[in-house]
Amino acid sequence: METETKVTDEQKEKLAYYRVISDAYKRRFKLRYILFHKILTHMLSKMKEEVTVYCLMDEIRQIHKTM
């Protein structure tokens, strides 16, 4: 049996929104995005993807605590 992945219209809209915002960021802040990409690539080469995502989420939590 095949497992079907159903994507709702709401999920499609969210994904489209995220793509537009991230593309706008990439264009507006080219150098920052290049640095972010290099750091993220380095992290992925040194650690597993799950650990890298955990590190990013932990940093986001810390930033939200200080805001």
Protein backbone atom coordinates (compact mmCIF):
# COMPACT_ATOMS: atom_id res chain seq x y z
CA MET A 1 0.00 0.00 0.00
CA GLU A 2 1.14 3.49 -0.76
CA THR A 3 1.01 6.16 1.87
CA GLU A 4 -0.56 9.32 0.53
CA THR A 5 0.52 12.69 1.79
CA LYS A 6 -2.36 15.10 1.64
CA VAL A 7 -1.47 18.76 1.75
CA THR A 8 -4.30 21.09 2.64
CA ASP A 9 -4.85 24.45 1.01
CA GLU A 10 -3.91 26.12 4.29
CA GLN A 11 -0.59 24.28 4.35
CA LYS A 12 0.05 25.24 0.73
CA GLU A 13 -0.61 28.89 1.55
CA LYS A 14 1.75 28.78 4.54
CA LEU A 15 4.46 27.18 2.44
CA ALA A 16 4.03 29.79 -0.30
CA TYR A 17 4.22 32.55 2.32
CA TYR A 18 7.41 31.09 3.82
CA ARG A 19 8.98 30.86 0.35
CA VAL A 20 8.16 34.48 -0.47
CA ILE A 21 9.51 35.77 2.85
CA SER A 22 12.69 33.70 2.70
CA ASP A 23 13.31 34.72 -0.91
CA ALA A 24 12.84 38.38 0.03
CA TYR A 25 15.33 37.97 2.89
CA LYS A 26 17.87 36.33 0.57
CA ARG A 27 17.60 39.23 -1.87
CA ARG A 28 17.60 42.01 0.73
CA PHE A 29 20.38 40.64 2.94
CA LYS A 30 22.65 38.81 0.51
CA LEU A 31 25.80 38.84 2.63
CA ARG A 32 23.98 37.75 5.79
CA TYR A 33 22.33 34.92 3.91
CA ILE A 34 25.66 33.80 2.43
CA LEU A 35 27.19 33.76 5.91
CA PHE A 36 24.20 31.87 7.32
CA HIS A 37 24.44 29.33 4.49
CA LYS A 38 28.16 28.79 5.07
CA ILE A 39 27.68 28.35 8.83
CA LEU A 40 24.75 26.00 8.33
CA THR A 41 26.69 23.95 5.78
CA HIS A 42 29.60 23.71 8.21
CA MET A 43 27.30 22.60 11.04
CA LEU A 44 25.71 19.94 8.84
CA SER A 45 29.11 18.61 7.84
CA LYS A 46 30.18 18.29 11.49
CA MET A 47 26.91 17.07 13.04
CA LYS A 48 23.82 15.19 12.00
CA GLU A 49 20.86 17.11 10.61
CA GLU A 50 18.76 16.49 13.73
CA VAL A 51 21.44 17.97 15.99
CA THR A 52 21.82 20.99 13.72
CA VAL A 53 18.07 21.62 13.79
CA TYR A 54 18.10 21.25 17.58
CA CYS A 55 20.90 23.84 17.85
CA LEU A 56 18.97 26.28 15.66
CA MET A 57 15.77 25.80 17.66
CA ASP A 58 17.66 26.23 20.94
CA GLU A 59 19.13 29.52 19.72
CA ILE A 60 15.66 30.71 18.68
CA ARG A 61 14.33 29.84 22.16
CA GLN A 62 17.15 31.83 23.79
CA ILE A 63 16.47 34.82 21.55
CA HIS A 64 12.76 34.73 22.43
CA LYS A 65 13.61 34.64 26.15
CA THR A 66 15.65 37.85 25.86
CA MET A 67 13.05 39.71 23.82
